[in-house]
Amino acid sequence: MGFKLIALGLLTGLLTGAFFALFDVPIPAPPELPGLMGIVGIYLGYKAVEAADLSVPVLDSLGF
């Protein structure tokens, strides 16, 4: 994963957060630590399954 991709991800998040604040709508992510840890957990779970080389081809099973 390159620095450019990380920087673009951060920039996208910053712009999205600014958009939500500008239009005074609630952000779609929980602002508290337990919610943020949930997001980290989702990422770590994804990486664990990816490292174990497991997958279920859902779209292929549905015929797409």
PDB file of N, CA and C in Angstrom:
ATOM      1  N   MET A   1       0.867  -1.176   0.000  1.00  0.00           N
ATOM      2  CA  MET A   1       0.000   0.000   0.000  1.00  0.00           C
ATOM      3  C   MET A   1       0.905   1.227   0.000  1.00  0.00           C
ATOM      4  N   GLY A   2       0.742   2.045  -0.988  1.00  0.00           N
ATOM      5  CA  GLY A   2       1.610   3.193  -1.138  1.00  0.00           C
ATOM      6  C   GLY A   2       1.140   4.407  -0.355  1.00  0.00           C
ATOM      7  N   PHE A   3       2.075   5.302  -0.140  1.00  0.00           N
ATOM      8  CA  PHE A   3       1.780   6.542   0.580  1.00  0.00           C
ATOM      9  C   PHE A   3       0.711   7.354  -0.138  1.00  0.00           C
ATOM     10  N   LYS A   4       0.751   7.340  -1.472  1.00  0.00           N
ATOM     11  CA  LYS A   4      -0.215   8.118  -2.249  1.00  0.00           C
ATOM     12  C   LYS A   4      -1.642   7.646  -1.978  1.00  0.00           C
ATOM     13  N   LEU A   5      -1.842   6.332  -1.917  1.00  0.00           N
ATOM     14  CA  LEU A   5      -3.169   5.780  -1.646  1.00  0.00           C
ATOM     15  C   LEU A   5      -3.641   6.143  -0.239  1.00  0.00           C
ATOM     16  N   ILE A   6      -2.744   6.096   0.724  1.00  0.00           N
ATOM     17  CA  ILE A   6      -3.084   6.471   2.098  1.00  0.00           C
ATOM     18  C   ILE A   6      -3.453   7.946   2.169  1.00  0.00           C
ATOM     19  N   ALA A   7      -2.671   8.783   1.511  1.00  0.00           N
ATOM     20  CA  ALA A   7      -2.947  10.223   1.508  1.00  0.00           C
ATOM     21  C   ALA A   7      -4.283  10.526   0.838  1.00  0.00           C
ATOM     22  N   LEU A   8      -4.580   9.847  -0.263  1.00  0.00           N
ATOM     23  CA  LEU A   8      -5.863  10.055  -0.937  1.00  0.00           C
ATOM     24  C   LEU A   8      -7.034   9.597  -0.070  1.00  0.00           C
ATOM     25  N   GLY A   9      -6.858   8.498   0.650  1.00  0.00           N
ATOM     26  CA  GLY A   9      -7.894   8.034   1.567  1.00  0.00           C
ATOM     27  C   GLY A   9      -8.144   9.036   2.680  1.00  0.00           C
ATOM     28  N   LEU A  10      -7.076   9.570   3.241  1.00  0.00           N
ATOM     29  CA  LEU A  10      -7.209  10.579   4.293  1.00  0.00           C
ATOM     30  C   LEU A  10      -7.866  11.840   3.752  1.00  0.00           C
ATOM     31  N   LEU A  11      -7.462  12.276   2.575  1.00  0.00           N
ATOM     32  CA  LEU A  11      -8.055  13.466   1.965  1.00  0.00           C
ATOM     33  C   LEU A  11      -9.548  13.260   1.695  1.00  0.00           C
ATOM     34  N   THR A  12      -9.910  12.094   1.202  1.00  0.00           N
ATOM     35  CA  THR A  12     -11.319  11.787   0.959  1.00  0.00           C
ATOM     36  C   THR A  12     -12.111  11.836   2.256  1.00  0.00           C
ATOM     37  N   GLY A  13     -11.561  11.265   3.316  1.00  0.00           N
ATOM     38  CA  GLY A  13     -12.224  11.311   4.617  1.00  0.00           C
ATOM     39  C   GLY A  13     -12.377  12.728   5.137  1.00  0.00           C
ATOM     40  N   LEU A  14     -11.337  13.532   4.986  1.00  0.00           N
ATOM     41  CA  LEU A  14     -11.403  14.921   5.440  1.00  0.00           C
ATOM     42  C   LEU A  14     -12.458  15.712   4.674  1.00  0.00           C
ATOM     43  N   LEU A  15     -12.493  15.532   3.364  1.00  0.00           N
ATOM     44  CA  LEU A  15     -13.488  16.245   2.554  1.00  0.00           C
ATOM     45  C   LEU A  15     -14.908  15.786   2.880  1.00  0.00           C
ATOM     46  N   THR A  16     -15.079  14.492   3.096  1.00  0.00           N
ATOM     47  CA  THR A  16     -16.399  13.973   3.448  1.00  0.00           C
ATOM     48  C   THR A  16     -16.838  14.505   4.804  1.00  0.00           C
ATOM     49  N   GLY A  17     -15.937  14.496   5.774  1.00  0.00           N
ATOM     50  CA  GLY A  17     -16.256  15.046   7.091  1.00  0.00           C
ATOM     51  C   GLY A  17     -16.598  16.522   7.023  1.00  0.00           C
ATOM     52  N   ALA A  18     -15.849  17.266   6.220  1.00  0.00           N
ATOM     53  CA  ALA A  18     -16.133  18.694   6.056  1.00  0.00           C
ATOM     54  C   ALA A  18     -17.497  18.911   5.414  1.00  0.00           C
ATOM     55  N   PHE A  19     -17.843  18.082   4.443  1.00  0.00           N
ATOM     56  CA  PHE A  19     -19.152  18.173   3.785  1.00  0.00           C
ATOM     57  C   PHE A  19     -20.279  17.973   4.797  1.00  0.00           C
ATOM     58  N   PHE A  20     -20.155  16.933   5.634  1.00  0.00           N
ATOM     59  CA  PHE A  20     -21.191  16.663   6.633  1.00  0.00           C
ATOM     60  C   PHE A  20     -21.295  17.807   7.639  1.00  0.00           C
ATOM     61  N   ALA A  21     -20.159  18.375   8.046  1.00  0.00           N
ATOM     62  CA  ALA A  21     -20.182  19.486   8.996  1.00  0.00           C
ATOM     63  C   ALA A  21     -20.763  20.742   8.357  1.00  0.00           C
ATOM     64  N   LEU A  22     -20.417  20.996   7.106  1.00  0.00           N
ATOM     65  CA  LEU A  22     -20.889  22.183   6.406  1.00  0.00           C
ATOM     66  C   LEU A  22     -22.406  22.191   6.274  1.00  0.00           C
ATOM     67  N   PHE A  23     -22.983  21.041   5.971  1.00  0.00           N
ATOM     68  CA  PHE A  23     -24.428  20.957   5.789  1.00  0.00           C
ATOM     69  C   PHE A  23     -25.161  20.520   7.052  1.00  0.00           C
ATOM     70  N   ASP A  24     -24.436  20.472   8.163  1.00  0.00           N
ATOM     71  CA  ASP A  24     -25.003  20.201   9.485  1.00  0.00           C
ATOM     72  C   ASP A  24     -25.844  18.924   9.518  1.00  0.00           C
ATOM     73  N   VAL A  25     -25.287  17.856   8.979  1.00  0.00           N
ATOM     74  CA  VAL A  25     -25.928  16.541   9.049  1.00  0.00           C
ATOM     75  C   VAL A  25     -25.037  15.626   9.881  1.00  0.00           C
ATOM     76  N   PRO A  26     -25.621  14.643  10.539  1.00  0.00           N
ATOM     77  CA  PRO A  26     -24.803  13.755  11.375  1.00  0.00           C
ATOM     78  C   PRO A  26     -23.854  12.902  10.526  1.00  0.00           C
ATOM     79  N   ILE A  27     -22.664  12.718  11.029  1.00  0.00           N
ATOM     80  CA  ILE A  27     -21.698  11.910  10.294  1.00  0.00           C
ATOM     81  C   ILE A  27     -22.106  10.440  10.366  1.00  0.00           C
ATOM     82  N   PRO A  28     -21.806   9.668   9.330  1.00  0.00           N
ATOM     83  CA  PRO A  28     -22.212   8.265   9.316  1.00  0.00           C
ATOM     84  C   PRO A  28     -21.295   7.350  10.119  1.00  0.00           C
ATOM     85  N   ALA A  29     -20.329   7.917  10.827  1.00  0.00           N
ATOM     86  CA  ALA A  29     -19.430   7.131  11.664  1.00  0.00           C
ATOM     87  C   ALA A  29     -19.580   7.590  13.107  1.00  0.00           C
ATOM     88  N   PRO A  30     -19.546   6.667  14.044  1.00  0.00           N
ATOM     89  CA  PRO A  30     -19.680   7.052  15.448  1.00  0.00           C
ATOM     90  C   PRO A  30     -18.468   7.854  15.918  1.00  0.00           C
ATOM     91  N   PRO A  31     -18.691   8.967  16.603  1.00  0.00           N
ATOM     92  CA  PRO A  31     -17.576   9.810  17.026  1.00  0.00           C
ATOM     93  C   PRO A  31     -16.918   9.341  18.325  1.00  0.00           C
ATOM     94  N   GLU A  32     -17.367   8.245  18.883  1.00  0.00           N
ATOM     95  CA  GLU A  32     -16.841   7.781  20.165  1.00  0.00           C
ATOM     96  C   GLU A  32     -15.859   6.636  19.947  1.00  0.00           C
ATOM     97  N   LEU A  33     -15.009   6.413  20.942  1.00  0.00           N
ATOM     98  CA  LEU A  33     -13.964   5.400  20.838  1.00  0.00           C
ATOM     99  C   LEU A  33     -14.500   3.992  20.560  1.00  0.00           C
ATOM    100  N   PRO A  34     -15.565   3.517  21.223  1.00  0.00           N
ATOM    101  CA  PRO A  34     -16.047   2.166  20.894  1.00  0.00           C
ATOM    102  C   PRO A  34     -16.450   2.012  19.427  1.00  0.00           C
ATOM    103  N   GLY A  35     -17.063   3.019  18.865  1.00  0.00           N
ATOM    104  CA  GLY A  35     -17.433   2.962  17.455  1.00  0.00           C
ATOM    105  C   GLY A  35     -16.220   2.935  16.548  1.00  0.00           C
ATOM    106  N   LEU A  36     -15.227   3.739  16.890  1.00  0.00           N
ATOM    107  CA  LEU A  36     -13.995   3.751  16.092  1.00  0.00           C
ATOM    108  C   LEU A  36     -13.260   2.417  16.200  1.00  0.00           C
ATOM    109  N   MET A  37     -13.289   1.807  17.382  1.00  0.00           N
ATOM    110  CA  MET A  37     -12.659   0.503  17.545  1.00  0.00           C
ATOM    111  C   MET A  37     -13.408  -0.562  16.744  1.00  0.00           C
ATOM    112  N   GLY A  38     -14.719  -0.388  16.591  1.00  0.00           N
ATOM    113  CA  GLY A  38     -15.485  -1.294  15.742  1.00  0.00           C
ATOM    114  C   GLY A  38     -15.020  -1.222  14.303  1.00  0.00           C
ATOM    115  N   ILE A  39     -14.744  -0.023  13.834  1.00  0.00           N
ATOM    116  CA  ILE A  39     -14.245   0.153  12.469  1.00  0.00           C
ATOM    117  C   ILE A  39     -12.865  -0.488  12.333  1.00  0.00           C
ATOM    118  N   VAL A  40     -12.017  -0.307  13.322  1.00  0.00           N
ATOM    119  CA  VAL A  40     -10.693  -0.938  13.306  1.00  0.00           C
ATOM    120  C   VAL A  40     -10.850  -2.458  13.313  1.00  0.00           C
ATOM    121  N   GLY A  41     -11.803  -2.962  14.095  1.00  0.00           N
ATOM    122  CA  GLY A  41     -12.058  -4.401  14.145  1.00  0.00           C
ATOM    123  C   GLY A  41     -12.498  -4.955  12.804  1.00  0.00           C
ATOM    124  N   ILE A  42     -13.335  -4.224  12.098  1.00  0.00           N
ATOM    125  CA  ILE A  42     -13.760  -4.653  10.760  1.00  0.00           C
ATOM    126  C   ILE A  42     -12.545  -4.770   9.843  1.00  0.00           C
ATOM    127  N   TYR A  43     -11.677  -3.780   9.900  1.00  0.00           N
ATOM    128  CA  TYR A  43     -10.473  -3.804   9.064  1.00  0.00           C
ATOM    129  C   TYR A  43      -9.569  -4.984   9.431  1.00  0.00           C
ATOM    130  N   LEU A  44      -9.357  -5.193  10.732  1.00  0.00           N
ATOM    131  CA  LEU A  44      -8.486  -6.289  11.156  1.00  0.00           C
ATOM    132  C   LEU A  44      -9.081  -7.645  10.793  1.00  0.00           C
ATOM    133  N   GLY A  45     -10.399  -7.782  10.913  1.00  0.00           N
ATOM    134  CA  GLY A  45     -11.054  -9.020  10.507  1.00  0.00           C
ATOM    135  C   GLY A  45     -10.890  -9.278   9.022  1.00  0.00           C
ATOM    136  N   TYR A  46     -11.039  -8.242   8.230  1.00  0.00           N
ATOM    137  CA  TYR A  46     -10.848  -8.351   6.779  1.00  0.00           C
ATOM    138  C   TYR A  46      -9.431  -8.821   6.469  1.00  0.00           C
ATOM    139  N   LYS A  47      -8.455  -8.200   7.127  1.00  0.00           N
ATOM    140  CA  LYS A  47      -7.061  -8.558   6.880  1.00  0.00           C
ATOM    141  C   LYS A  47      -6.765  -9.988   7.329  1.00  0.00           C
ATOM    142  N   ALA A  48      -7.381 -10.443   8.436  1.00  0.00           N
ATOM    143  CA  ALA A  48      -7.160 -11.804   8.926  1.00  0.00           C
ATOM    144  C   ALA A  48      -7.691 -12.831   7.930  1.00  0.00           C
ATOM    145  N   VAL A  49      -8.885 -12.597   7.402  1.00  0.00           N
ATOM    146  CA  VAL A  49      -9.453 -13.523   6.418  1.00  0.00           C
ATOM    147  C   VAL A  49      -8.638 -13.489   5.129  1.00  0.00           C
ATOM    148  N   GLU A  50      -8.198 -12.310   4.740  1.00  0.00           N
ATOM    149  CA  GLU A  50      -7.366 -12.181   3.543  1.00  0.00           C
ATOM    150  C   GLU A  50      -6.040 -12.927   3.727  1.00  0.00           C
ATOM    151  N   ALA A  51      -5.439 -12.836   4.908  1.00  0.00           N
ATOM    152  CA  ALA A  51      -4.175 -13.516   5.179  1.00  0.00           C
ATOM    153  C   ALA A  51      -4.353 -15.034   5.202  1.00  0.00           C
ATOM    154  N   ALA A  52      -5.533 -15.499   5.639  1.00  0.00           N
ATOM    155  CA  ALA A  52      -5.814 -16.933   5.665  1.00  0.00           C
ATOM    156  C   ALA A  52      -6.182 -17.456   4.277  1.00  0.00           C
ATOM    157  N   ASP A  53      -6.271 -16.563   3.305  1.00  0.00           N
ATOM    158  CA  ASP A  53      -6.602 -16.899   1.920  1.00  0.00           C
ATOM    159  C   ASP A  53      -7.945 -17.623   1.819  1.00  0.00           C
ATOM    160  N   LEU A  54      -8.940 -17.095   2.523  1.00  0.00           N
ATOM    161  CA  LEU A  54     -10.300 -17.626   2.481  1.00  0.00           C
ATOM    162  C   LEU A  54     -11.182 -16.664   1.702  1.00  0.00           C
ATOM    163  N   SER A  55     -12.163 -17.207   1.002  1.00  0.00           N
ATOM    164  CA  SER A  55     -13.128 -16.347   0.326  1.00  0.00           C
ATOM    165  C   SER A  55     -14.348 -17.167  -0.066  1.00  0.00           C
ATOM    166  N   VAL A  56     -15.461 -16.482  -0.186  1.00  0.00           N
ATOM    167  CA  VAL A  56     -16.703 -17.079  -0.659  1.00  0.00           C
ATOM    168  C   VAL A  56     -17.148 -16.237  -1.852  1.00  0.00           C
ATOM    169  N   PRO A  57     -17.113 -16.791  -3.055  1.00  0.00           N
ATOM    170  CA  PRO A  57     -17.471 -16.014  -4.247  1.00  0.00           C
ATOM    171  C   PRO A  57     -18.984 -15.816  -4.358  1.00  0.00           C
ATOM    172  N   VAL A  58     -19.510 -14.854  -3.633  1.00  0.00           N
ATOM    173  CA  VAL A  58     -20.953 -14.630  -3.558  1.00  0.00           C
ATOM    174  C   VAL A  58     -21.527 -14.267  -4.922  1.00  0.00           C
ATOM    175  N   LEU A  59     -20.887 -13.357  -5.630  1.00  0.00           N
ATOM    176  CA  LEU A  59     -21.413 -12.942  -6.929  1.00  0.00           C
ATOM    177  C   LEU A  59     -21.430 -14.092  -7.926  1.00  0.00           C
ATOM    178  N   ASP A  60     -20.403 -14.941  -7.889  1.00  0.00           N
ATOM    179  CA  ASP A  60     -20.392 -16.109  -8.769  1.00  0.00           C
ATOM    180  C   ASP A  60     -21.519 -17.068  -8.412  1.00  0.00           C
ATOM    181  N   SER A  61     -21.781 -17.231  -7.124  1.00  0.00           N
ATOM    182  CA  SER A  61     -22.859 -18.112  -6.675  1.00  0.00           C
ATOM    183  C   SER A  61     -24.222 -17.605  -7.123  1.00  0.00           C
ATOM    184  N   LEU A  62     -24.358 -16.281  -7.230  1.00  0.00           N
ATOM    185  CA  LEU A  62     -25.626 -15.692  -7.655  1.00  0.00           C
ATOM    186  C   LEU A  62     -25.735 -15.588  -9.176  1.00  0.00           C
ATOM    187  N   GLY A  63     -24.675 -15.918  -9.882  1.00  0.00           N
ATOM    188  CA  GLY A  63     -24.702 -15.908 -11.335  1.00  0.00           C
ATOM    189  C   GLY A  63     -24.311 -14.595 -11.977  1.00  0.00           C
ATOM    190  N   PHE A  64     -23.600 -13.746 -11.255  1.00  0.00           N
ATOM    191  CA  PHE A  64     -23.176 -12.460 -11.824  1.00  0.00           C
ATOM    192  C   PHE A  64     -21.755 -12.521 -12.290  1.00  0.00           C
TER     193      PHE A  64
END
